[in-house]
C-alpha cells in the first residue's frame, strides 16, 4: 500500500492545482466578457447614435414640410 506524500509536497500540489483553476477561470471569464462585451457596447452605442440621427432627420423633414404648407 502506498503511503501518503509528505505534507509539504501535498500542500504544494494543492496550491498548484488552485492556481491552475484560478488561471482557467480568469481566462474563461475574460474570453467570454472581454472583447464581446466591448463589441456589444460599441454596437449598442452605434445603434443609439443612428436612432438619434434618424429622429433629427425626421424632425427636419417635418419642419420643412410645415414651412412648405404655409
N, C-alpha and C. Protein backbone atom coordinates (compact mmCIF):
# COMPACT_ATOMS: atom_id res chain seq x y z
N UNK A 1 0.84 -1.17 0.00
CA UNK A 1 0.00 0.00 0.00
C UNK A 1 0.90 1.24 0.00
N UNK A 2 0.56 2.20 -0.85
CA UNK A 2 1.37 3.40 -0.97
C UNK A 2 1.08 4.33 0.19
N UNK A 3 2.10 4.94 0.72
CA UNK A 3 1.92 5.88 1.82
C UNK A 3 1.56 7.26 1.30
N UNK A 4 1.08 8.07 2.17
CA UNK A 4 0.73 9.45 1.80
C UNK A 4 2.00 10.24 1.57
N UNK A 5 1.97 11.20 0.61
CA UNK A 5 3.16 12.03 0.41
C UNK A 5 3.33 12.96 1.61
N UNK A 6 4.52 13.44 1.80
CA UNK A 6 4.74 14.36 2.92
C UNK A 6 3.81 15.58 2.80
N UNK A 7 3.50 16.17 3.94
CA UNK A 7 2.55 17.27 3.99
C UNK A 7 2.97 18.46 3.14
N UNK A 8 4.24 18.78 3.08
CA UNK A 8 4.75 19.90 2.29
C UNK A 8 4.50 19.69 0.81
N UNK A 9 4.74 18.48 0.33
CA UNK A 9 4.52 18.18 -1.08
C UNK A 9 3.03 18.22 -1.40
N UNK A 10 2.23 17.69 -0.50
CA UNK A 10 0.77 17.71 -0.70
C UNK A 10 0.27 19.15 -0.74
N UNK A 11 0.78 20.01 0.14
CA UNK A 11 0.39 21.42 0.16
C UNK A 11 0.80 22.11 -1.15
N UNK A 12 2.01 21.84 -1.62
CA UNK A 12 2.49 22.43 -2.86
C UNK A 12 1.62 21.98 -4.04
N UNK A 13 1.29 20.72 -4.08
CA UNK A 13 0.42 20.20 -5.13
C UNK A 13 -0.95 20.86 -5.09
N UNK A 14 -1.51 21.02 -3.91
CA UNK A 14 -2.81 21.68 -3.78
C UNK A 14 -2.75 23.12 -4.24
N UNK A 15 -1.70 23.82 -3.90
CA UNK A 15 -1.54 25.22 -4.33
C UNK A 15 -1.42 25.31 -5.85
N UNK A 16 -0.67 24.40 -6.45
CA UNK A 16 -0.52 24.41 -7.91
C UNK A 16 -1.87 24.16 -8.60
N UNK A 17 -2.64 23.24 -8.07
CA UNK A 17 -3.97 22.97 -8.64
C UNK A 17 -4.87 24.19 -8.46
N UNK A 18 -4.82 24.84 -7.31
CA UNK A 18 -5.63 26.04 -7.07
C UNK A 18 -5.26 27.15 -8.04
N UNK A 19 -3.96 27.35 -8.27
CA UNK A 19 -3.51 28.37 -9.21
C UNK A 19 -3.99 28.04 -10.63
N UNK A 20 -3.93 26.78 -11.00
CA UNK A 20 -4.39 26.38 -12.33
C UNK A 20 -5.89 26.63 -12.49
N UNK A 21 -6.66 26.34 -11.45
CA UNK A 21 -8.12 26.57 -11.50
C UNK A 21 -8.41 28.06 -11.63
N UNK A 22 -7.74 28.87 -10.85
CA UNK A 22 -7.95 30.33 -10.90
C UNK A 22 -7.55 30.87 -12.28
N UNK A 23 -6.43 30.41 -12.81
CA UNK A 23 -5.99 30.88 -14.13
C UNK A 23 -7.00 30.49 -15.20
N UNK A 24 -7.51 29.27 -15.13
CA UNK A 24 -8.52 28.84 -16.10
C UNK A 24 -9.79 29.67 -15.98
N UNK A 25 -10.22 29.93 -14.76
CA UNK A 25 -11.43 30.74 -14.55
C UNK A 25 -11.25 32.14 -15.10
N UNK A 26 -10.11 32.76 -14.85
CA UNK A 26 -9.84 34.10 -15.36
C UNK A 26 -9.83 34.10 -16.89
N UNK A 27 -9.19 33.09 -17.48
CA UNK A 27 -9.13 33.02 -18.95
C UNK A 27 -10.52 32.86 -19.54
N UNK A 28 -11.34 32.03 -18.93
CA UNK A 28 -12.70 31.80 -19.45
C UNK A 28 -13.54 33.06 -19.33
N UNK A 29 -13.51 33.70 -18.18
CA UNK A 29 -14.31 34.91 -17.97
C UNK A 29 -13.84 36.03 -18.89
N UNK A 30 -12.54 36.20 -19.03
CA UNK A 30 -12.01 37.24 -19.90
C UNK A 30 -12.39 36.97 -21.35
N UNK A 31 -12.29 35.73 -21.77
CA UNK A 31 -12.65 35.40 -23.14
C UNK A 31 -14.12 35.63 -23.40
N UNK A 32 -14.95 35.34 -22.39
CA UNK A 32 -16.40 35.49 -22.57
C UNK A 32 -16.85 36.94 -22.49
N UNK A 33 -16.37 37.68 -21.52
CA UNK A 33 -16.87 39.03 -21.29
C UNK A 33 -15.98 40.12 -21.86
N UNK A 34 -14.74 39.85 -22.09
CA UNK A 34 -13.81 40.89 -22.53
C UNK A 34 -14.18 41.52 -23.86
N UNK A 35 -13.69 41.00 -24.97
CA UNK A 35 -13.92 41.63 -26.26
C UNK A 35 -15.39 41.65 -26.67
N UNK A 36 -16.12 40.62 -26.34
CA UNK A 36 -17.53 40.56 -26.72
C UNK A 36 -18.28 41.70 -26.07
N UNK A 37 -18.02 41.92 -24.82
CA UNK A 37 -18.72 42.98 -24.11
C UNK A 37 -18.41 44.34 -24.74
N UNK A 38 -17.16 44.57 -25.06
CA UNK A 38 -16.77 45.83 -25.68
C UNK A 38 -17.42 45.99 -27.05
N UNK A 39 -17.43 44.92 -27.82
CA UNK A 39 -18.05 44.97 -29.15
C UNK A 39 -19.54 45.22 -29.04
N UNK A 40 -20.16 44.59 -28.06
CA UNK A 40 -21.60 44.79 -27.88
C UNK A 40 -21.90 46.24 -27.47
N UNK A 41 -21.07 46.79 -26.60
CA UNK A 41 -21.26 48.18 -26.20
C UNK A 41 -21.08 49.13 -27.37
N UNK A 42 -20.08 48.86 -28.19
CA UNK A 42 -19.86 49.70 -29.37
C UNK A 42 -21.04 49.61 -30.33
N UNK A 43 -21.55 48.41 -30.53
CA UNK A 43 -22.69 48.23 -31.43
C UNK A 43 -23.92 48.93 -30.88
N UNK A 44 -24.14 48.83 -29.58
CA UNK A 44 -25.28 49.49 -28.94
C UNK A 44 -25.17 51.00 -29.07
N UNK A 45 -23.96 51.52 -28.87
CA UNK A 45 -23.74 52.96 -29.00
C UNK A 45 -23.99 53.41 -30.43
N UNK A 46 -23.53 52.62 -31.39
CA UNK A 46 -23.74 52.94 -32.80
C UNK A 46 -25.23 52.97 -33.14
N UNK A 47 -25.98 51.98 -32.64
CA UNK A 47 -27.43 51.95 -32.90
C UNK A 47 -28.11 53.16 -32.28
N UNK A 48 -27.69 53.55 -31.08
CA UNK A 48 -28.27 54.72 -30.42
C UNK A 48 -27.99 55.98 -31.21
N UNK A 49 -26.76 56.13 -31.68
CA UNK A 49 -26.42 57.31 -32.48
C UNK A 49 -27.23 57.34 -33.77
N UNK A 50 -27.38 56.18 -34.40
CA UNK A 50 -28.16 56.10 -35.63
C UNK A 50 -29.61 56.48 -35.37
N UNK A 51 -30.14 55.99 -34.27
CA UNK A 51 -31.53 56.31 -33.90
C UNK A 51 -31.70 57.81 -33.69
N UNK A 52 -30.73 58.43 -33.00
CA UNK A 52 -30.80 59.87 -32.76
C UNK A 52 -30.73 60.64 -34.08
N UNK A 53 -29.87 60.19 -34.99
CA UNK A 53 -29.76 60.85 -36.29
C UNK A 53 -31.07 60.72 -37.07
N UNK A 54 -31.68 59.55 -37.00
CA UNK A 54 -32.96 59.35 -37.69
C UNK A 54 -34.05 60.26 -37.12
N UNK A 55 -34.07 60.44 -35.82
CA UNK A 55 -35.06 61.31 -35.18
C UNK A 55 -34.84 62.75 -35.63
N UNK A 56 -33.58 63.19 -35.62
CA UNK A 56 -33.28 64.56 -36.05
C UNK A 56 -33.67 64.77 -37.51
N UNK A 57 -33.39 63.78 -38.33
CA UNK A 57 -33.72 63.88 -39.75
C UNK A 57 -35.24 63.98 -39.95
N UNK A 58 -35.98 63.17 -39.22
CA UNK A 58 -37.45 63.24 -39.32
C UNK A 58 -37.97 64.59 -38.87
N UNK A 59 -37.38 65.14 -37.79
CA UNK A 59 -37.81 66.44 -37.30
C UNK A 59 -37.54 67.52 -38.35
N UNK A 60 -36.38 67.46 -38.97
CA UNK A 60 -36.05 68.44 -40.00
C UNK A 60 -37.00 68.33 -41.19
N UNK A 61 -37.30 67.11 -41.61
CA UNK A 61 -38.24 66.91 -42.71
C UNK A 61 -39.64 67.43 -42.36
N UNK A 62 -40.03 67.20 -41.13
CA UNK A 62 -41.34 67.68 -40.67
C UNK A 62 -41.38 69.21 -40.67
N UNK A 63 -40.31 69.83 -40.22
CA UNK A 63 -40.25 71.29 -40.22
C UNK A 63 -40.30 71.83 -41.65
N UNK A 64 -39.56 71.20 -42.55
CA UNK A 64 -39.58 71.63 -43.95
C UNK A 64 -40.98 71.49 -44.54
N UNK A 65 -41.65 70.42 -44.23
CA UNK A 65 -42.99 70.20 -44.74
C UNK A 65 -43.96 71.25 -44.21
N UNK A 66 -43.82 71.59 -42.95
CA UNK A 66 -44.69 72.62 -42.36
C UNK A 66 -44.45 73.96 -43.03
N UNK A 67 -43.19 74.29 -43.30
CA UNK A 67 -42.87 75.57 -43.95
C UNK A 67 -43.43 75.62 -45.36
N UNK A 68 -43.38 74.50 -46.09
CA UNK A 68 -43.94 74.46 -47.44
C UNK A 68 -45.46 74.60 -47.44
N UNK A 69 -46.10 74.05 -46.41
CA UNK A 69 -47.57 74.08 -46.34
C UNK A 69 -48.10 75.45 -45.96
N UNK A 70 -47.28 76.34 -45.52
CA UNK A 70 -47.76 77.67 -45.07
C UNK A 70 -48.16 78.51 -46.21
